[in-house]
All heavy atoms as atom14 arrays in JSON, in Angstrom:
{
  "sequence": "GGHREENESINDAASRELYEETGATKFKLTPICVYSVESDENIN",
  "atom14_mask": [
    [1, 1, 1, 1, 0, 0, 0, 0, 0, 0, 0, 0, 0, 0],
    [1, 1, 1, 1, 0, 0, 0, 0, 0, 0, 0, 0, 0, 0],
    [1, 1, 1, 1, 1, 1, 1, 1, 1, 1, 0, 0, 0, 0],
    [1, 1, 1, 1, 1, 1, 1, 1, 1, 1, 1, 0, 0, 0],
    [1, 1, 1, 1, 1, 1, 1, 1, 1, 0, 0, 0, 0, 0],
    [1, 1, 1, 1, 1, 1, 1, 1, 1, 0, 0, 0, 0, 0],
    [1, 1, 1, 1, 1, 1, 1, 1, 0, 0, 0, 0, 0, 0],
    [1, 1, 1, 1, 1, 1, 1, 1, 1, 0, 0, 0, 0, 0],
    [1, 1, 1, 1, 1, 1, 0, 0, 0, 0, 0, 0, 0, 0],
    [1, 1, 1, 1, 1, 1, 1, 1, 0, 0, 0, 0, 0, 0],
    [1, 1, 1, 1, 1, 1, 1, 1, 0, 0, 0, 0, 0, 0],
    [1, 1, 1, 1, 1, 1, 1, 1, 0, 0, 0, 0, 0, 0],
    [1, 1, 1, 1, 1, 0, 0, 0, 0, 0, 0, 0, 0, 0],
    [1, 1, 1, 1, 1, 0, 0, 0, 0, 0, 0, 0, 0, 0],
    [1, 1, 1, 1, 1, 1, 0, 0, 0, 0, 0, 0, 0, 0],
    [1, 1, 1, 1, 1, 1, 1, 1, 1, 1, 1, 0, 0, 0],
    [1, 1, 1, 1, 1, 1, 1, 1, 1, 0, 0, 0, 0, 0],
    [1, 1, 1, 1, 1, 1, 1, 1, 0, 0, 0, 0, 0, 0],
    [1, 1, 1, 1, 1, 1, 1, 1, 1, 1, 1, 1, 0, 0],
    [1, 1, 1, 1, 1, 1, 1, 1, 1, 0, 0, 0, 0, 0],
    [1, 1, 1, 1, 1, 1, 1, 1, 1, 0, 0, 0, 0, 0],
    [1, 1, 1, 1, 1, 1, 1, 0, 0, 0, 0, 0, 0, 0],
    [1, 1, 1, 1, 0, 0, 0, 0, 0, 0, 0, 0, 0, 0],
    [1, 1, 1, 1, 1, 0, 0, 0, 0, 0, 0, 0, 0, 0],
    [1, 1, 1, 1, 1, 1, 1, 0, 0, 0, 0, 0, 0, 0],
    [1, 1, 1, 1, 1, 1, 1, 1, 1, 0, 0, 0, 0, 0],
    [1, 1, 1, 1, 1, 1, 1, 1, 1, 1, 1, 0, 0, 0],
    [1, 1, 1, 1, 1, 1, 1, 1, 1, 0, 0, 0, 0, 0],
    [1, 1, 1, 1, 1, 1, 1, 1, 0, 0, 0, 0, 0, 0],
    [1, 1, 1, 1, 1, 1, 1, 0, 0, 0, 0, 0, 0, 0],
    [1, 1, 1, 1, 1, 1, 1, 0, 0, 0, 0, 0, 0, 0],
    [1, 1, 1, 1, 1, 1, 1, 1, 0, 0, 0, 0, 0, 0],
    [1, 1, 1, 1, 1, 1, 0, 0, 0, 0, 0, 0, 0, 0],
    [1, 1, 1, 1, 1, 1, 1, 0, 0, 0, 0, 0, 0, 0],
    [1, 1, 1, 1, 1, 1, 1, 1, 1, 1, 1, 1, 0, 0],
    [1, 1, 1, 1, 1, 1, 0, 0, 0, 0, 0, 0, 0, 0],
    [1, 1, 1, 1, 1, 1, 1, 0, 0, 0, 0, 0, 0, 0],
    [1, 1, 1, 1, 1, 1, 1, 1, 1, 0, 0, 0, 0, 0],
    [1, 1, 1, 1, 1, 1, 0, 0, 0, 0, 0, 0, 0, 0],
    [1, 1, 1, 1, 1, 1, 1, 1, 0, 0, 0, 0, 0, 0],
    [1, 1, 1, 1, 1, 1, 1, 1, 1, 0, 0, 0, 0, 0],
    [1, 1, 1, 1, 1, 1, 1, 1, 0, 0, 0, 0, 0, 0],
    [1, 1, 1, 1, 1, 1, 1, 1, 0, 0, 0, 0, 0, 0],
    [1, 1, 1, 1, 1, 1, 1, 1, 0, 0, 0, 0, 0, 0]
  ],
  "atom14_positions": [
    [[-39.93, 136.69, 215.66], [-39.58, 136.41, 217.03], [-40.04, 137.58, 217.99], [-40.41, 138.64, 217.59], [0.0, 0.0, 0.0], [0.0, 0.0, 0.0], [0.0, 0.0, 0.0], [0.0, 0.0, 0.0], [0.0, 0.0, 0.0], [0.0, 0.0, 0.0], [0.0, 0.0, 0.0], [0.0, 0.0, 0.0], [0.0, 0.0, 0.0], [0.0, 0.0, 0.0]],
    [[-39.7, 137.41, 219.23], [-40.0, 138.44, 220.15], [-39.83, 138.08, 221.66], [-39.47, 136.85, 221.9], [0.0, 0.0, 0.0], [0.0, 0.0, 0.0], [0.0, 0.0, 0.0], [0.0, 0.0, 0.0], [0.0, 0.0, 0.0], [0.0, 0.0, 0.0], [0.0, 0.0, 0.0], [0.0, 0.0, 0.0], [0.0, 0.0, 0.0], [0.0, 0.0, 0.0]],
    [[-40.19, 138.89, 222.52], [-39.99, 138.67, 223.96], [-41.14, 137.77, 224.53], [-42.21, 137.73, 224.21], [-40.05, 140.09, 224.79], [-38.76, 140.77, 224.44], [-38.61, 141.56, 223.52], [-37.67, 140.84, 225.21], [-37.34, 142.17, 223.53], [-36.82, 141.65, 224.64], [0.0, 0.0, 0.0], [0.0, 0.0, 0.0], [0.0, 0.0, 0.0], [0.0, 0.0, 0.0]],
    [[-40.63, 137.0, 225.6], [-41.47, 136.13, 226.26], [-42.27, 136.88, 227.29], [-41.71, 137.79, 227.91], [-40.51, 135.11, 226.94], [-41.1, 134.05, 227.87], [-40.05, 133.34, 228.45], [-40.47, 132.13, 229.34], [-39.63, 131.29, 229.87], [-38.36, 131.4, 229.65], [-40.17, 130.3, 230.45], [0.0, 0.0, 0.0], [0.0, 0.0, 0.0], [0.0, 0.0, 0.0]],
    [[-43.59, 136.62, 227.33], [-44.33, 137.2, 228.39], [-44.3, 136.56, 229.59], [-44.0, 135.47, 229.73], [-45.8, 137.28, 227.77], [-45.86, 138.24, 226.55], [-47.38, 138.29, 225.99], [-48.26, 137.69, 226.53], [-47.46, 139.01, 224.95], [0.0, 0.0, 0.0], [0.0, 0.0, 0.0], [0.0, 0.0, 0.0], [0.0, 0.0, 0.0], [0.0, 0.0, 0.0]],
    [[-44.68, 137.28, 230.73], [-44.74, 136.73, 232.06], [-45.59, 135.5, 232.17], [-46.62, 135.49, 231.5], [-45.31, 137.83, 232.98], [-45.02, 137.42, 234.47], [-45.45, 138.52, 235.5], [-45.5, 139.73, 235.03], [-45.64, 138.17, 236.6], [0.0, 0.0, 0.0], [0.0, 0.0, 0.0], [0.0, 0.0, 0.0], [0.0, 0.0, 0.0], [0.0, 0.0, 0.0]],
    [[-45.11, 134.59, 232.83], [-45.83, 133.16, 233.03], [-46.1, 132.48, 231.59], [-46.98, 131.64, 231.57], [-47.16, 133.34, 233.71], [-46.88, 133.85, 235.07], [-45.9, 133.5, 235.8], [-47.77, 134.78, 235.58], [0.0, 0.0, 0.0], [0.0, 0.0, 0.0], [0.0, 0.0, 0.0], [0.0, 0.0, 0.0], [0.0, 0.0, 0.0], [0.0, 0.0, 0.0]],
    [[-45.23, 132.76, 230.66], [-45.33, 132.11, 229.39], [-44.09, 131.2, 229.28], [-42.94, 131.56, 229.38], [-45.41, 133.09, 228.28], [-45.65, 132.6, 227.0], [-45.74, 133.74, 225.8], [-44.82, 134.66, 225.84], [-46.66, 133.69, 225.07], [0.0, 0.0, 0.0], [0.0, 0.0, 0.0], [0.0, 0.0, 0.0], [0.0, 0.0, 0.0], [0.0, 0.0, 0.0]],
    [[-44.36, 129.86, 228.72], [-43.24, 129.1, 228.34], [-42.54, 129.59, 227.15], [-43.19, 130.21, 226.33], [-43.68, 127.64, 228.18], [-44.24, 127.51, 226.86], [0.0, 0.0, 0.0], [0.0, 0.0, 0.0], [0.0, 0.0, 0.0], [0.0, 0.0, 0.0], [0.0, 0.0, 0.0], [0.0, 0.0, 0.0], [0.0, 0.0, 0.0], [0.0, 0.0, 0.0]],
    [[-41.37, 129.14, 227.04], [-40.59, 129.75, 225.81], [-41.22, 129.1, 224.54], [-41.13, 129.84, 223.54], [-39.08, 129.49, 225.87], [-38.21, 130.28, 224.97], [-38.67, 127.91, 225.77], [-38.27, 131.72, 225.22], [0.0, 0.0, 0.0], [0.0, 0.0, 0.0], [0.0, 0.0, 0.0], [0.0, 0.0, 0.0], [0.0, 0.0, 0.0], [0.0, 0.0, 0.0]],
    [[-41.67, 127.84, 224.56], [-42.34, 127.15, 223.47], [-43.58, 127.99, 223.06], [-43.96, 128.23, 221.81], [-42.6, 125.87, 223.7], [-41.34, 124.88, 223.7], [-40.25, 125.39, 223.55], [-41.51, 123.72, 223.78], [0.0, 0.0, 0.0], [0.0, 0.0, 0.0], [0.0, 0.0, 0.0], [0.0, 0.0, 0.0], [0.0, 0.0, 0.0], [0.0, 0.0, 0.0]],
    [[-44.4, 128.29, 224.19], [-45.64, 129.07, 223.85], [-45.33, 130.5, 223.24], [-46.04, 130.99, 222.44], [-46.46, 129.27, 225.1], [-47.12, 128.0, 225.55], [-47.16, 127.02, 224.78], [-47.51, 127.85, 226.68], [0.0, 0.0, 0.0], [0.0, 0.0, 0.0], [0.0, 0.0, 0.0], [0.0, 0.0, 0.0], [0.0, 0.0, 0.0], [0.0, 0.0, 0.0]],
    [[-44.24, 131.13, 223.81], [-43.81, 132.34, 223.27], [-43.46, 132.21, 221.86], [-43.93, 133.25, 220.95], [-42.59, 132.98, 224.06], [0.0, 0.0, 0.0], [0.0, 0.0, 0.0], [0.0, 0.0, 0.0], [0.0, 0.0, 0.0], [0.0, 0.0, 0.0], [0.0, 0.0, 0.0], [0.0, 0.0, 0.0], [0.0, 0.0, 0.0], [0.0, 0.0, 0.0]],
    [[-42.74, 131.25, 221.51], [-42.33, 131.01, 219.92], [-43.71, 130.86, 219.18], [-43.72, 131.42, 218.0], [-41.43, 129.79, 219.86], [0.0, 0.0, 0.0], [0.0, 0.0, 0.0], [0.0, 0.0, 0.0], [0.0, 0.0, 0.0], [0.0, 0.0, 0.0], [0.0, 0.0, 0.0], [0.0, 0.0, 0.0], [0.0, 0.0, 0.0], [0.0, 0.0, 0.0]],
    [[-44.68, 130.06, 219.68], [-45.88, 129.88, 218.89], [-46.57, 131.13, 218.71], [-47.13, 131.53, 217.61], [-46.73, 128.83, 219.54], [-46.18, 127.52, 219.53], [0.0, 0.0, 0.0], [0.0, 0.0, 0.0], [0.0, 0.0, 0.0], [0.0, 0.0, 0.0], [0.0, 0.0, 0.0], [0.0, 0.0, 0.0], [0.0, 0.0, 0.0], [0.0, 0.0, 0.0]],
    [[-46.78, 131.78, 219.69], [-47.44, 133.12, 219.65], [-46.77, 134.17, 218.69], [-47.36, 134.77, 217.87], [-47.59, 133.82, 221.09], [-48.33, 135.09, 221.13], [-48.25, 135.67, 222.5], [-47.03, 135.72, 223.22], [-46.05, 136.6, 222.94], [-46.2, 137.62, 221.93], [-44.86, 136.61, 223.7], [0.0, 0.0, 0.0], [0.0, 0.0, 0.0], [0.0, 0.0, 0.0]],
    [[-45.44, 134.35, 218.94], [-44.8, 135.28, 217.95], [-44.86, 134.84, 216.56], [-45.08, 135.72, 215.76], [-43.31, 135.36, 218.42], [-43.03, 136.09, 219.76], [-43.4, 137.58, 219.69], [-43.55, 138.21, 218.6], [-43.49, 138.22, 220.77], [0.0, 0.0, 0.0], [0.0, 0.0, 0.0], [0.0, 0.0, 0.0], [0.0, 0.0, 0.0], [0.0, 0.0, 0.0]],
    [[-44.73, 133.53, 216.18], [-44.82, 133.06, 214.83], [-46.17, 133.46, 214.31], [-46.34, 133.97, 213.25], [-44.49, 131.74, 214.8], [-44.48, 131.09, 213.35], [-43.26, 131.7, 212.46], [-44.21, 129.58, 213.39], [0.0, 0.0, 0.0], [0.0, 0.0, 0.0], [0.0, 0.0, 0.0], [0.0, 0.0, 0.0], [0.0, 0.0, 0.0], [0.0, 0.0, 0.0]],
    [[-47.2, 133.21, 215.05], [-48.55, 133.47, 214.63], [-48.75, 135.1, 214.38], [-49.22, 135.42, 213.43], [-49.57, 133.02, 215.61], [-51.03, 133.42, 215.28], [-51.74, 133.07, 214.19], [-51.63, 134.46, 216.09], [-53.01, 133.47, 213.91], [-52.85, 134.92, 215.9], [-53.55, 134.42, 214.72], [-54.77, 134.95, 214.39], [0.0, 0.0, 0.0], [0.0, 0.0, 0.0]],
    [[-48.41, 135.78, 215.41], [-48.55, 137.24, 215.45], [-47.84, 137.91, 214.33], [-48.37, 138.85, 213.69], [-48.13, 137.88, 216.79], [-49.03, 137.51, 218.01], [-48.51, 138.1, 219.25], [-47.46, 138.87, 219.43], [-49.32, 137.97, 220.2], [0.0, 0.0, 0.0], [0.0, 0.0, 0.0], [0.0, 0.0, 0.0], [0.0, 0.0, 0.0], [0.0, 0.0, 0.0]],
    [[-46.57, 137.45, 213.99], [-45.74, 138.16, 213.04], [-46.07, 137.6, 211.53], [-45.72, 138.43, 210.68], [-44.41, 138.14, 213.42], [-44.2, 138.86, 214.75], [-42.77, 139.11, 215.04], [-41.81, 138.78, 214.34], [-42.5, 139.76, 216.1], [0.0, 0.0, 0.0], [0.0, 0.0, 0.0], [0.0, 0.0, 0.0], [0.0, 0.0, 0.0], [0.0, 0.0, 0.0]],
    [[-46.4, 136.42, 211.37], [-46.56, 135.85, 209.94], [-47.95, 135.35, 209.78], [-48.22, 135.13, 208.47], [-45.52, 134.7, 209.81], [-46.05, 133.59, 210.64], [-44.1, 134.97, 210.12], [0.0, 0.0, 0.0], [0.0, 0.0, 0.0], [0.0, 0.0, 0.0], [0.0, 0.0, 0.0], [0.0, 0.0, 0.0], [0.0, 0.0, 0.0], [0.0, 0.0, 0.0]],
    [[-48.84, 135.28, 210.69], [-50.06, 134.68, 210.37], [-50.03, 133.17, 210.3], [-51.01, 132.59, 209.75], [0.0, 0.0, 0.0], [0.0, 0.0, 0.0], [0.0, 0.0, 0.0], [0.0, 0.0, 0.0], [0.0, 0.0, 0.0], [0.0, 0.0, 0.0], [0.0, 0.0, 0.0], [0.0, 0.0, 0.0], [0.0, 0.0, 0.0], [0.0, 0.0, 0.0]],
    [[-48.97, 132.54, 210.7], [-48.89, 131.07, 210.64], [-49.99, 130.47, 211.44], [-50.12, 130.66, 212.62], [-47.48, 130.59, 211.12], [0.0, 0.0, 0.0], [0.0, 0.0, 0.0], [0.0, 0.0, 0.0], [0.0, 0.0, 0.0], [0.0, 0.0, 0.0], [0.0, 0.0, 0.0], [0.0, 0.0, 0.0], [0.0, 0.0, 0.0], [0.0, 0.0, 0.0]],
    [[-50.81, 129.66, 210.8], [-51.88, 128.94, 211.53], [-51.75, 127.52, 211.65], [-52.25, 126.92, 212.71], [-53.29, 129.21, 210.68], [-53.03, 128.7, 209.36], [-53.67, 130.64, 210.78], [0.0, 0.0, 0.0], [0.0, 0.0, 0.0], [0.0, 0.0, 0.0], [0.0, 0.0, 0.0], [0.0, 0.0, 0.0], [0.0, 0.0, 0.0], [0.0, 0.0, 0.0]],
    [[-50.82, 126.88, 210.8], [-50.58, 125.47, 210.98], [-49.05, 125.3, 210.78], [-48.53, 125.67, 209.8], [-51.32, 124.67, 209.97], [-51.23, 123.2, 210.04], [-52.04, 122.49, 209.13], [-51.91, 120.87, 209.3], [-52.41, 120.18, 208.32], [0.0, 0.0, 0.0], [0.0, 0.0, 0.0], [0.0, 0.0, 0.0], [0.0, 0.0, 0.0], [0.0, 0.0, 0.0]],
    [[-48.41, 124.91, 211.88], [-46.99, 124.74, 211.88], [-46.47, 123.74, 212.95], [-47.15, 123.47, 213.89], [-46.27, 126.12, 212.14], [-46.77, 126.9, 213.3], [-46.05, 126.66, 214.48], [-47.76, 127.75, 213.23], [-46.49, 127.33, 215.55], [-48.18, 128.59, 214.42], [-47.54, 128.25, 215.62], [0.0, 0.0, 0.0], [0.0, 0.0, 0.0], [0.0, 0.0, 0.0]],
    [[-45.2, 123.34, 212.76], [-44.64, 122.58, 213.75], [-43.31, 123.31, 214.18], [-42.52, 123.8, 213.36], [-44.24, 121.19, 213.07], [-43.49, 120.22, 213.98], [-43.06, 118.96, 213.35], [-42.18, 118.15, 214.25], [-41.3, 117.19, 213.58], [0.0, 0.0, 0.0], [0.0, 0.0, 0.0], [0.0, 0.0, 0.0], [0.0, 0.0, 0.0], [0.0, 0.0, 0.0]],
    [[-43.15, 123.44, 215.46], [-41.9, 124.06, 216.02], [-40.96, 123.05, 216.59], [-41.27, 122.12, 217.21], [-42.38, 124.98, 217.2], [-42.81, 126.43, 216.97], [-43.13, 126.99, 218.33], [-41.81, 127.17, 216.28], [0.0, 0.0, 0.0], [0.0, 0.0, 0.0], [0.0, 0.0, 0.0], [0.0, 0.0, 0.0], [0.0, 0.0, 0.0], [0.0, 0.0, 0.0]],
    [[-39.69, 123.33, 216.14], [-38.54, 122.45, 216.78], [-37.51, 123.36, 217.45], [-36.91, 124.16, 216.76], [-37.95, 121.65, 215.58], [-38.95, 120.94, 214.9], [-36.9, 120.64, 216.05], [0.0, 0.0, 0.0], [0.0, 0.0, 0.0], [0.0, 0.0, 0.0], [0.0, 0.0, 0.0], [0.0, 0.0, 0.0], [0.0, 0.0, 0.0], [0.0, 0.0, 0.0]],
    [[-37.26, 123.15, 218.63], [-36.15, 123.83, 219.32], [-34.83, 123.52, 218.87], [-34.59, 122.31, 218.56], [-36.32, 123.53, 220.84], [-37.57, 122.79, 220.98], [-37.86, 122.25, 219.55], [0.0, 0.0, 0.0], [0.0, 0.0, 0.0], [0.0, 0.0, 0.0], [0.0, 0.0, 0.0], [0.0, 0.0, 0.0], [0.0, 0.0, 0.0], [0.0, 0.0, 0.0]],
    [[-34.03, 124.49, 218.43], [-32.57, 124.22, 217.87], [-31.65, 124.27, 219.01], [-30.81, 123.44, 219.35], [-32.32, 125.09, 216.83], [-33.34, 124.96, 215.6], [-30.85, 125.05, 216.31], [-33.02, 125.9, 214.49], [0.0, 0.0, 0.0], [0.0, 0.0, 0.0], [0.0, 0.0, 0.0], [0.0, 0.0, 0.0], [0.0, 0.0, 0.0], [0.0, 0.0, 0.0]],
    [[-31.47, 125.5, 219.65], [-30.54, 125.81, 220.68], [-30.9, 127.07, 221.46], [-31.84, 127.83, 221.15], [-29.22, 125.93, 220.08], [-29.01, 127.36, 218.92], [0.0, 0.0, 0.0], [0.0, 0.0, 0.0], [0.0, 0.0, 0.0], [0.0, 0.0, 0.0], [0.0, 0.0, 0.0], [0.0, 0.0, 0.0], [0.0, 0.0, 0.0], [0.0, 0.0, 0.0]],
    [[-30.19, 127.38, 222.47], [-30.15, 128.66, 223.22], [-28.95, 129.52, 222.64], [-28.04, 128.89, 222.26], [-30.06, 128.42, 224.64], [-29.91, 129.73, 225.34], [-31.25, 127.7, 225.16], [0.0, 0.0, 0.0], [0.0, 0.0, 0.0], [0.0, 0.0, 0.0], [0.0, 0.0, 0.0], [0.0, 0.0, 0.0], [0.0, 0.0, 0.0], [0.0, 0.0, 0.0]],
    [[-29.29, 130.8, 222.64], [-28.19, 131.65, 222.19], [-28.15, 133.0, 223.01], [-29.17, 133.3, 223.7], [-28.11, 132.01, 220.62], [-29.37, 132.94, 220.23], [-29.0, 134.29, 220.2], [-30.54, 132.63, 220.18], [-29.92, 135.26, 219.73], [-31.51, 133.49, 219.8], [-31.21, 134.83, 219.54], [-32.16, 135.71, 219.32], [0.0, 0.0, 0.0], [0.0, 0.0, 0.0]],
    [[-27.01, 133.61, 223.03], [-26.88, 134.87, 223.67], [-26.02, 135.83, 222.76], [-25.35, 135.31, 221.87], [-26.13, 134.71, 225.03], [-24.81, 134.35, 224.84], [0.0, 0.0, 0.0], [0.0, 0.0, 0.0], [0.0, 0.0, 0.0], [0.0, 0.0, 0.0], [0.0, 0.0, 0.0], [0.0, 0.0, 0.0], [0.0, 0.0, 0.0], [0.0, 0.0, 0.0]],
    [[-26.2, 137.07, 222.91], [-25.4, 138.01, 222.24], [-24.68, 138.87, 223.24], [-25.23, 139.4, 224.21], [-26.38, 139.01, 221.44], [-25.68, 140.07, 220.71], [-27.29, 138.18, 220.37], [0.0, 0.0, 0.0], [0.0, 0.0, 0.0], [0.0, 0.0, 0.0], [0.0, 0.0, 0.0], [0.0, 0.0, 0.0], [0.0, 0.0, 0.0], [0.0, 0.0, 0.0]],
    [[-23.42, 139.02, 222.95], [-22.56, 139.88, 223.81], [-22.14, 141.0, 222.93], [-21.74, 140.93, 221.84], [-21.22, 139.1, 224.22], [-21.59, 138.02, 225.23], [-20.24, 137.25, 225.65], [-19.43, 137.98, 226.22], [-20.22, 136.07, 225.33], [0.0, 0.0, 0.0], [0.0, 0.0, 0.0], [0.0, 0.0, 0.0], [0.0, 0.0, 0.0], [0.0, 0.0, 0.0]],
    [[-21.96, 142.19, 223.65], [-21.52, 143.32, 223.01], [-20.42, 144.12, 223.93], [-20.81, 144.26, 225.11], [-22.7, 144.26, 222.7], [-22.23, 145.59, 222.25], [0.0, 0.0, 0.0], [0.0, 0.0, 0.0], [0.0, 0.0, 0.0], [0.0, 0.0, 0.0], [0.0, 0.0, 0.0], [0.0, 0.0, 0.0], [0.0, 0.0, 0.0], [0.0, 0.0, 0.0]],
    [[-19.45, 144.58, 223.3], [-18.53, 145.39, 224.19], [-18.67, 146.86, 223.96], [-17.96, 147.68, 224.48], [-17.08, 144.86, 224.0], [-16.56, 145.14, 222.58], [-17.32, 145.71, 221.81], [-15.43, 144.66, 222.21], [0.0, 0.0, 0.0], [0.0, 0.0, 0.0], [0.0, 0.0, 0.0], [0.0, 0.0, 0.0], [0.0, 0.0, 0.0], [0.0, 0.0, 0.0]],
    [[-19.78, 147.22, 223.19], [-20.01, 148.61, 222.89], [-20.88, 149.22, 224.04], [-20.83, 150.56, 224.15], [-20.73, 148.77, 221.65], [-19.84, 148.25, 220.41], [-20.62, 148.22, 219.1], [-21.69, 148.9, 219.05], [-20.16, 147.7, 218.23], [0.0, 0.0, 0.0], [0.0, 0.0, 0.0], [0.0, 0.0, 0.0], [0.0, 0.0, 0.0], [0.0, 0.0, 0.0]],
    [[-21.53, 148.45, 224.87], [-22.25, 149.04, 225.91], [-21.85, 148.61, 227.2], [-21.92, 147.41, 227.61], [-23.81, 148.55, 225.68], [-24.74, 149.12, 226.63], [-24.3, 149.72, 227.72], [-26.1, 149.02, 226.37], [0.0, 0.0, 0.0], [0.0, 0.0, 0.0], [0.0, 0.0, 0.0], [0.0, 0.0, 0.0], [0.0, 0.0, 0.0], [0.0, 0.0, 0.0]],
    [[-21.28, 149.54, 227.98], [-20.7, 149.15, 229.28], [-21.7, 148.57, 230.24], [-21.4, 147.75, 231.13], [-20.03, 150.38, 229.86], [-18.78, 150.65, 229.05], [-19.64, 150.12, 231.29], [-18.17, 152.14, 229.32], [0.0, 0.0, 0.0], [0.0, 0.0, 0.0], [0.0, 0.0, 0.0], [0.0, 0.0, 0.0], [0.0, 0.0, 0.0], [0.0, 0.0, 0.0]],
    [[-23.04, 149.05, 230.1], [-24.05, 148.58, 231.01], [-24.8, 147.36, 230.51], [-25.82, 146.98, 230.87], [-25.13, 149.6, 231.22], [-24.56, 150.8, 231.88], [-23.69, 150.65, 232.83], [-24.8, 151.91, 231.41], [0.0, 0.0, 0.0], [0.0, 0.0, 0.0], [0.0, 0.0, 0.0], [0.0, 0.0, 0.0], [0.0, 0.0, 0.0], [0.0, 0.0, 0.0]]
  ]
}
C-alpha cells in the first residue's frame, strides 16, 4: 500500500501500489472499508 498521488482516485492508487510493490499484473480489487488510526502519543 501507499499514499495516493494528486488527482488519483483511491482505486487507482490501490492498483498502482499493488503493482509497484508486488509486481501483480493480473488482479481484482475489492474495496472493504475506510479506516483511520488515532494516536494519543503525538500531540500534533
